[in-house]
N, C-alpha and C. Protein backbone atom coordinates (compact mmCIF):
# COMPACT_ATOMS: atom_id res chain seq x y z
N MET A 1 18.28 -10.04 -1.45
CA MET A 1 17.11 -9.70 -0.43
C MET A 1 17.98 -9.50 1.01
N ASP A 2 17.69 -8.88 1.82
CA ASP A 2 18.56 -8.82 3.07
C ASP A 2 17.57 -8.47 4.29
N GLY A 3 17.95 -9.18 5.12
CA GLY A 3 17.61 -9.04 6.43
C GLY A 3 17.12 -10.60 7.27
N ALA A 4 16.77 -10.37 8.58
CA ALA A 4 16.73 -11.32 9.04
C ALA A 4 15.30 -11.90 9.42
N ARG A 5 15.33 -12.51 10.01
CA ARG A 5 13.91 -13.30 10.34
C ARG A 5 12.97 -12.37 10.85
N GLY A 6 11.89 -11.87 10.16
CA GLY A 6 11.02 -10.73 10.97
C GLY A 6 11.88 -9.20 11.00
N GLY A 7 12.76 -9.36 10.58
CA GLY A 7 13.60 -7.83 10.20
C GLY A 7 13.07 -7.55 8.89
N LYS A 8 13.51 -6.12 8.80
CA LYS A 8 13.18 -5.34 7.89
C LYS A 8 13.65 -6.27 6.35
N LYS A 9 13.34 -5.98 5.07
CA LYS A 9 13.72 -6.92 4.27
C LYS A 9 14.24 -5.53 2.96
N THR A 10 15.49 -5.88 2.34
CA THR A 10 15.50 -4.89 1.31
C THR A 10 15.62 -5.78 0.31
N TYR A 11 15.01 -5.42 -0.85
CA TYR A 11 15.37 -6.10 -2.33
C TYR A 11 15.69 -5.19 -3.37
N LEU A 12 16.40 -5.62 -4.13
CA LEU A 12 17.05 -5.32 -5.49
C LEU A 12 16.22 -5.54 -6.74
N VAL A 13 16.35 -4.24 -7.44
CA VAL A 13 15.48 -4.65 -8.64
C VAL A 13 16.50 -4.63 -9.92
N LEU A 14 16.57 -5.78 -10.29
CA LEU A 14 17.74 -5.97 -11.53
C LEU A 14 17.13 -4.95 -12.66
N PRO A 15 18.10 -4.80 -13.62
CA PRO A 15 17.77 -3.57 -14.92
C PRO A 15 16.74 -4.03 -15.84
N ALA A 16 16.56 -5.49 -15.82
CA ALA A 16 15.67 -5.97 -16.52
C ALA A 16 14.16 -5.64 -15.64
N GLY A 17 14.36 -5.81 -14.75
CA GLY A 17 13.21 -5.80 -13.77
C GLY A 17 13.00 -3.90 -13.74
N LEU A 18 13.93 -3.14 -13.82
CA LEU A 18 13.67 -1.40 -13.90
C LEU A 18 12.78 -1.24 -15.33
N LYS A 19 13.20 -2.15 -16.64
CA LYS A 19 12.65 -1.62 -18.11
C LYS A 19 11.12 -1.98 -17.72
N GLU A 20 11.02 -3.47 -17.27
CA GLU A 20 9.18 -3.84 -17.07
C GLU A 20 8.87 -2.53 -16.11
N LEU A 21 9.76 -2.29 -15.17
CA LEU A 21 8.77 -1.05 -13.85
C LEU A 21 8.13 0.15 -14.99
N ARG A 22 9.27 0.42 -15.59
CA ARG A 22 9.09 1.55 -16.75
C ARG A 22 8.07 1.51 -17.55
N HIS A 23 7.95 0.59 -18.19
CA HIS A 23 6.95 0.23 -19.53
C HIS A 23 5.45 -0.24 -18.79
N TRP A 24 5.67 -0.84 -17.16
CA TRP A 24 4.45 -0.83 -16.51
C TRP A 24 3.93 0.57 -16.32
N LEU A 25 4.58 1.04 -15.59
CA LEU A 25 4.00 2.68 -14.87
C LEU A 25 3.96 3.65 -16.70
N ALA A 26 4.28 3.63 -17.61
CA ALA A 26 3.61 4.39 -18.46
C ALA A 26 2.21 4.13 -19.21
N GLU A 27 1.93 2.37 -18.93
CA GLU A 27 0.82 1.90 -19.46
C GLU A 27 -0.80 2.66 -18.72
N ALA A 28 -1.35 3.33 -19.28
CA ALA A 28 -3.16 3.56 -18.88
C ALA A 28 -3.67 2.65 -17.71
N GLN A 29 -3.98 3.25 -16.82
CA GLN A 29 -4.61 2.52 -15.51
C GLN A 29 -6.08 2.67 -15.68
N ALA A 30 -6.96 1.90 -15.28
CA ALA A 30 -8.67 1.60 -15.08
C ALA A 30 -8.71 1.39 -13.39
N PRO A 31 -9.70 2.01 -13.05
CA PRO A 31 -9.96 1.79 -11.50
C PRO A 31 -10.31 0.05 -11.47
N SER A 32 -9.60 -0.58 -10.40
CA SER A 32 -9.61 -1.74 -9.98
C SER A 32 -10.88 -2.00 -9.46
N PRO A 33 -11.52 -2.91 -9.75
CA PRO A 33 -13.21 -3.80 -9.50
C PRO A 33 -13.01 -4.25 -8.31
N VAL A 34 -14.04 -3.81 -7.48
CA VAL A 34 -13.87 -4.01 -6.60
C VAL A 34 -14.41 -5.59 -6.01
N ARG A 35 -13.60 -6.48 -5.52
CA ARG A 35 -14.33 -7.86 -5.09
C ARG A 35 -13.71 -8.02 -3.98
N ASP A 36 -14.84 -8.01 -3.29
CA ASP A 36 -14.72 -8.29 -1.71
C ASP A 36 -15.90 -9.09 -0.86
N GLU A 37 -14.81 -10.23 -0.31
CA GLU A 37 -15.90 -11.41 0.15
C GLU A 37 -16.80 -10.55 1.24
N LEU A 38 -16.14 -10.02 2.03
CA LEU A 38 -16.80 -9.33 3.12
C LEU A 38 -18.39 -8.71 2.46
N MET A 39 -18.42 -7.87 1.67
CA MET A 39 -19.57 -7.44 1.12
C MET A 39 -20.64 -8.45 0.87
N VAL A 40 -19.73 -9.24 -0.16
CA VAL A 40 -21.00 -10.78 -0.47
C VAL A 40 -21.34 -10.97 0.66
N ARG A 41 -20.71 -11.46 1.72
CA ARG A 41 -21.24 -12.10 2.90
C ARG A 41 -22.46 -11.26 3.86
N LEU A 42 -22.29 -10.04 3.47
CA LEU A 42 -23.31 -8.85 4.21
C LEU A 42 -24.30 -9.11 3.05
N ARG A 43 -23.89 -8.65 2.57
CA ARG A 43 -25.49 -9.07 1.09
C ARG A 43 -25.98 -10.43 1.67
N ALA A 44 -25.29 -11.38 1.24
CA ALA A 44 -26.14 -12.97 1.76
C ALA A 44 -26.79 -12.86 2.77
N GLU A 45 -26.27 -11.92 4.04
CA GLU A 45 -27.25 -12.08 5.61
C GLU A 45 -28.32 -11.29 5.29
N ALA A 46 -28.14 -10.23 4.52
CA ALA A 46 -29.60 -9.55 3.90
C ALA A 46 -30.32 -10.35 3.65
N ILE A 47 -30.26 -11.34 2.66
CA ILE A 47 -31.12 -12.15 1.85
C ILE A 47 -31.56 -13.33 2.75
N ILE A 48 -30.44 -13.97 3.33
CA ILE A 48 -30.97 -15.08 4.09
C ILE A 48 -31.21 -15.33 5.32
N GLY A 49 -30.89 -14.22 6.01
CA GLY A 49 -31.26 -13.83 7.92
C GLY A 49 -30.26 -14.39 8.39
N PRO A 50 -30.85 -14.23 9.64
CA PRO A 50 -29.50 -14.52 10.58
C PRO A 50 -28.75 -15.96 10.18
N THR A 51 -27.54 -15.59 10.49
CA THR A 51 -26.67 -16.66 10.38
C THR A 51 -25.48 -16.23 11.51
N HIS A 52 -24.57 -17.18 11.36
CA HIS A 52 -23.17 -16.62 12.49
C HIS A 52 -22.06 -15.95 11.89
N LEU A 53 -22.70 -14.81 11.02
CA LEU A 53 -21.89 -13.68 10.90
C LEU A 53 -21.06 -12.97 11.84
N ILE A 54 -21.75 -12.58 12.78
CA ILE A 54 -21.32 -12.02 13.99
C ILE A 54 -19.52 -12.54 14.48
N ALA A 55 -19.82 -13.57 14.86
CA ALA A 55 -18.38 -14.73 15.37
C ALA A 55 -17.38 -14.12 14.03
N LYS A 56 -17.87 -14.22 12.81
CA LYS A 56 -16.74 -13.89 11.63
C LYS A 56 -16.45 -12.45 11.84
N LEU A 57 -17.15 -11.76 11.84
CA LEU A 57 -17.09 -10.32 11.86
C LEU A 57 -15.97 -9.71 12.97
N GLU A 58 -16.39 -10.40 13.99
CA GLU A 58 -15.56 -10.18 15.04
C GLU A 58 -14.20 -10.40 15.37
N ARG A 59 -14.13 -11.63 14.53
CA ARG A 59 -12.44 -12.43 14.55
C ARG A 59 -11.83 -11.43 13.30
N LEU A 60 -12.82 -10.86 12.22
CA LEU A 60 -11.82 -10.20 11.14
C LEU A 60 -11.88 -8.88 11.67
N ALA A 61 -12.47 -8.37 12.10
CA ALA A 61 -11.75 -7.01 13.23
C ALA A 61 -10.83 -7.07 13.87
N GLY A 62 -10.56 -8.33 14.73
CA GLY A 62 -9.45 -8.53 15.53
C GLY A 62 -7.94 -8.61 14.76
N LEU A 63 -8.20 -9.32 13.02
CA LEU A 63 -7.10 -9.45 12.17
C LEU A 63 -7.32 -8.33 11.76
N HIS A 64 -7.65 -6.85 11.45
CA HIS A 64 -7.54 -5.72 10.85
C HIS A 64 -7.28 -5.12 12.04
N ARG A 65 -7.48 -5.08 13.29
CA ARG A 65 -6.78 -4.53 14.28
C ARG A 65 -5.14 -5.22 14.48
N GLU A 66 -4.83 -6.05 14.28
CA GLU A 66 -3.40 -6.93 14.43
C GLU A 66 -2.38 -6.02 13.20
N LYS A 67 -3.06 -6.26 12.28
CA LYS A 67 -2.74 -5.59 11.18
C LYS A 67 -2.14 -3.94 11.09
N LEU A 68 -3.19 -3.22 12.04
CA LEU A 68 -3.31 -1.66 12.21
C LEU A 68 -2.15 -1.64 12.96
N LYS A 69 -2.01 -2.37 14.11
CA LYS A 69 -1.04 -2.28 14.96
C LYS A 69 0.46 -2.57 14.22
N VAL A 70 0.39 -3.41 13.90
CA VAL A 70 1.95 -3.89 12.85
C VAL A 70 2.25 -2.70 11.98
N TYR A 71 1.56 -2.02 11.04
CA TYR A 71 1.54 -0.44 10.08
C TYR A 71 2.05 0.50 11.36
N ARG A 72 1.37 0.75 12.27
CA ARG A 72 1.61 1.59 13.20
C ARG A 72 3.09 1.80 13.72
N GLN A 73 3.15 0.37 13.63
CA GLN A 73 5.05 0.31 14.30
C GLN A 73 5.99 0.33 13.49
N ILE A 74 5.44 0.02 11.98
CA ILE A 74 6.78 0.25 11.15
C ILE A 74 6.31 1.91 11.04
N GLU A 75 5.52 2.32 11.02
CA GLU A 75 5.31 4.21 10.76
C GLU A 75 6.19 4.69 11.78
N ALA A 76 6.24 4.08 13.27
CA ALA A 76 6.64 4.46 14.14
C ALA A 76 8.50 4.87 13.91
N ARG A 77 8.71 3.39 13.64
CA ARG A 77 9.99 2.74 13.53
C ARG A 77 10.53 4.01 12.53
N ASP A 78 10.24 3.46 11.16
CA ASP A 78 10.62 4.09 10.09
C ASP A 78 10.14 5.45 9.05
N PHE A 79 9.26 5.92 10.10
CA PHE A 79 8.96 7.54 9.27
C PHE A 79 8.63 8.45 10.47
N SER A 80 9.50 7.86 11.78
CA SER A 80 9.55 9.33 12.36
C SER A 80 10.44 10.68 12.57
N GLN A 81 11.23 10.44 11.75
CA GLN A 81 12.45 11.52 11.22
C GLN A 81 11.27 12.84 10.79
N LYS A 82 12.17 13.98 10.48
CA LYS A 82 11.32 14.97 10.17
C LYS A 82 11.42 15.28 8.48
N ARG A 83 12.79 15.06 8.25
CA ARG A 83 12.72 15.36 6.88
C ARG A 83 12.98 13.78 6.67
N MET A 84 12.38 13.96 4.91
CA MET A 84 12.34 12.43 4.48
C MET A 84 12.60 12.66 2.87
N THR A 85 12.96 11.61 2.29
CA THR A 85 13.44 11.61 0.92
C THR A 85 12.10 11.92 -0.07
N ARG A 86 12.38 11.87 -1.02
CA ARG A 86 11.08 11.39 -1.99
C ARG A 86 10.55 9.85 -1.84
N ALA A 87 11.68 9.27 -2.05
CA ALA A 87 11.09 7.51 -1.82
C ALA A 87 10.46 7.63 -0.78
N GLU A 88 11.26 8.06 0.52
CA GLU A 88 10.43 8.04 1.88
C GLU A 88 8.71 8.31 2.12
N LYS A 89 8.97 9.51 1.28
CA LYS A 89 7.25 10.20 1.37
C LYS A 89 6.52 8.94 0.60
N LEU A 90 7.08 8.69 -0.83
CA LEU A 90 6.03 7.65 -1.19
C LEU A 90 6.03 6.07 -0.70
N ARG A 91 6.83 5.63 0.15
CA ARG A 91 6.50 4.65 1.04
C ARG A 91 5.80 4.56 2.14
N LEU A 92 5.76 5.70 2.40
CA LEU A 92 4.81 6.81 3.44
C LEU A 92 3.55 6.61 3.05
N LEU A 93 3.56 7.45 2.12
CA LEU A 93 1.66 7.36 1.21
C LEU A 93 1.37 5.80 1.68
N VAL A 94 2.04 4.72 0.48
CA VAL A 94 1.79 3.89 0.32
C VAL A 94 1.22 3.17 1.54
N LEU A 95 2.06 3.08 3.11
CA LEU A 95 1.82 2.52 4.43
C LEU A 95 0.62 3.28 4.80
N GLU A 96 0.46 4.76 4.81
CA GLU A 96 -0.60 5.28 5.23
C GLU A 96 -1.94 4.94 4.27
N ALA A 97 -2.25 4.69 3.38
CA ALA A 97 -2.90 3.93 2.55
C ALA A 97 -3.55 2.85 3.10
N GLY A 98 -2.65 2.02 3.83
CA GLY A 98 -2.71 0.46 4.50
C GLY A 98 -3.48 0.78 5.54
N ILE A 99 -2.87 1.89 6.36
CA ILE A 99 -3.42 2.35 7.56
C ILE A 99 -4.91 2.87 7.40
N ASP A 100 -5.46 3.03 6.36
CA ASP A 100 -6.36 4.02 6.24
C ASP A 100 -7.27 3.23 6.28
N PHE A 101 -6.94 1.88 5.23
CA PHE A 101 -7.95 0.59 4.62
C PHE A 101 -7.99 -0.41 5.81
N GLU A 102 -7.25 -0.31 6.82
CA GLU A 102 -7.45 -1.18 8.15
C GLU A 102 -8.61 -0.61 9.12
N THR A 103 -8.29 0.83 8.89
CA THR A 103 -9.22 1.59 9.97
C THR A 103 -10.40 1.62 9.60
N GLN A 104 -10.52 1.78 8.10
CA GLN A 104 -11.73 1.38 7.43
C GLN A 104 -12.66 0.12 7.59
N ARG A 105 -11.81 -1.01 7.73
CA ARG A 105 -12.11 -2.17 7.71
C ARG A 105 -12.83 -2.44 9.18
N ILE A 106 -12.16 -1.86 10.47
CA ILE A 106 -11.91 -1.91 11.66
C ILE A 106 -13.73 -1.72 11.90
N ALA A 107 -13.93 -0.09 11.32
CA ALA A 107 -14.95 0.72 11.46
C ALA A 107 -16.41 -0.58 10.90
N LEU A 108 -15.79 -0.79 9.56
CA LEU A 108 -17.12 -1.63 8.62
C LEU A 108 -17.58 -2.55 9.29
N CYS A 109 -16.47 -3.21 10.26
CA CYS A 109 -16.80 -4.71 10.92
C CYS A 109 -17.68 -4.49 11.77
N GLU A 110 -17.37 -3.21 12.57
CA GLU A 110 -17.92 -2.81 13.98
C GLU A 110 -19.26 -2.51 13.48
N ARG A 111 -19.53 -1.48 12.61
CA ARG A 111 -20.88 -1.20 12.55
C ARG A 111 -21.70 -2.25 11.77
N ALA A 112 -21.28 -3.07 11.16
CA ALA A 112 -22.00 -4.35 11.08
C ALA A 112 -22.27 -5.13 11.93
N ILE A 113 -21.72 -5.67 12.70
CA ILE A 113 -21.78 -6.08 14.12
C ILE A 113 -22.88 -5.44 14.85
N SER A 114 -22.69 -4.18 15.06
CA SER A 114 -23.53 -3.35 15.60
C SER A 114 -25.23 -3.49 15.12
N ILE A 115 -25.54 -3.75 13.66
CA ILE A 115 -26.69 -3.74 12.76
C ILE A 115 -27.02 -5.23 13.15
N LEU A 116 -26.14 -6.33 13.04
CA LEU A 116 -26.72 -7.31 13.50
C LEU A 116 -27.29 -7.92 14.99
N LYS A 117 -26.59 -7.12 15.59
CA LYS A 117 -26.95 -7.47 17.15
C LYS A 117 -28.62 -6.28 17.54
N THR A 118 -28.59 -5.59 16.57
CA THR A 118 -29.93 -4.89 16.91
C THR A 118 -31.22 -5.35 16.31
N SER A 119 -30.67 -6.23 15.03
CA SER A 119 -31.71 -6.66 14.25
C SER A 119 -32.23 -7.91 15.14
């Protein structure tokens, strides 16, 4: 591992780890089940009525905005070049999935807040 505090970290995969990665990648994959505390909280709100969920949602949306900001900074810092290697394109794809997730979560929180405020 390399990198100063708060800096970019680089990890080295040892030969035994590469062997395990190859084995794991060869295995079939099923869709992951969704286990999401936010969805449970929203369902609970629907069942038991008004709670203090708005404040929690506002805080959660703020945390997702902070994470999105970090991801955007990484995107600008690490992926601004026009030509990328295959590995860089794959890392960018993973980062973009994180950006999409954070963006979706912000929108979900904002929509839930709107519903709760008008109900």
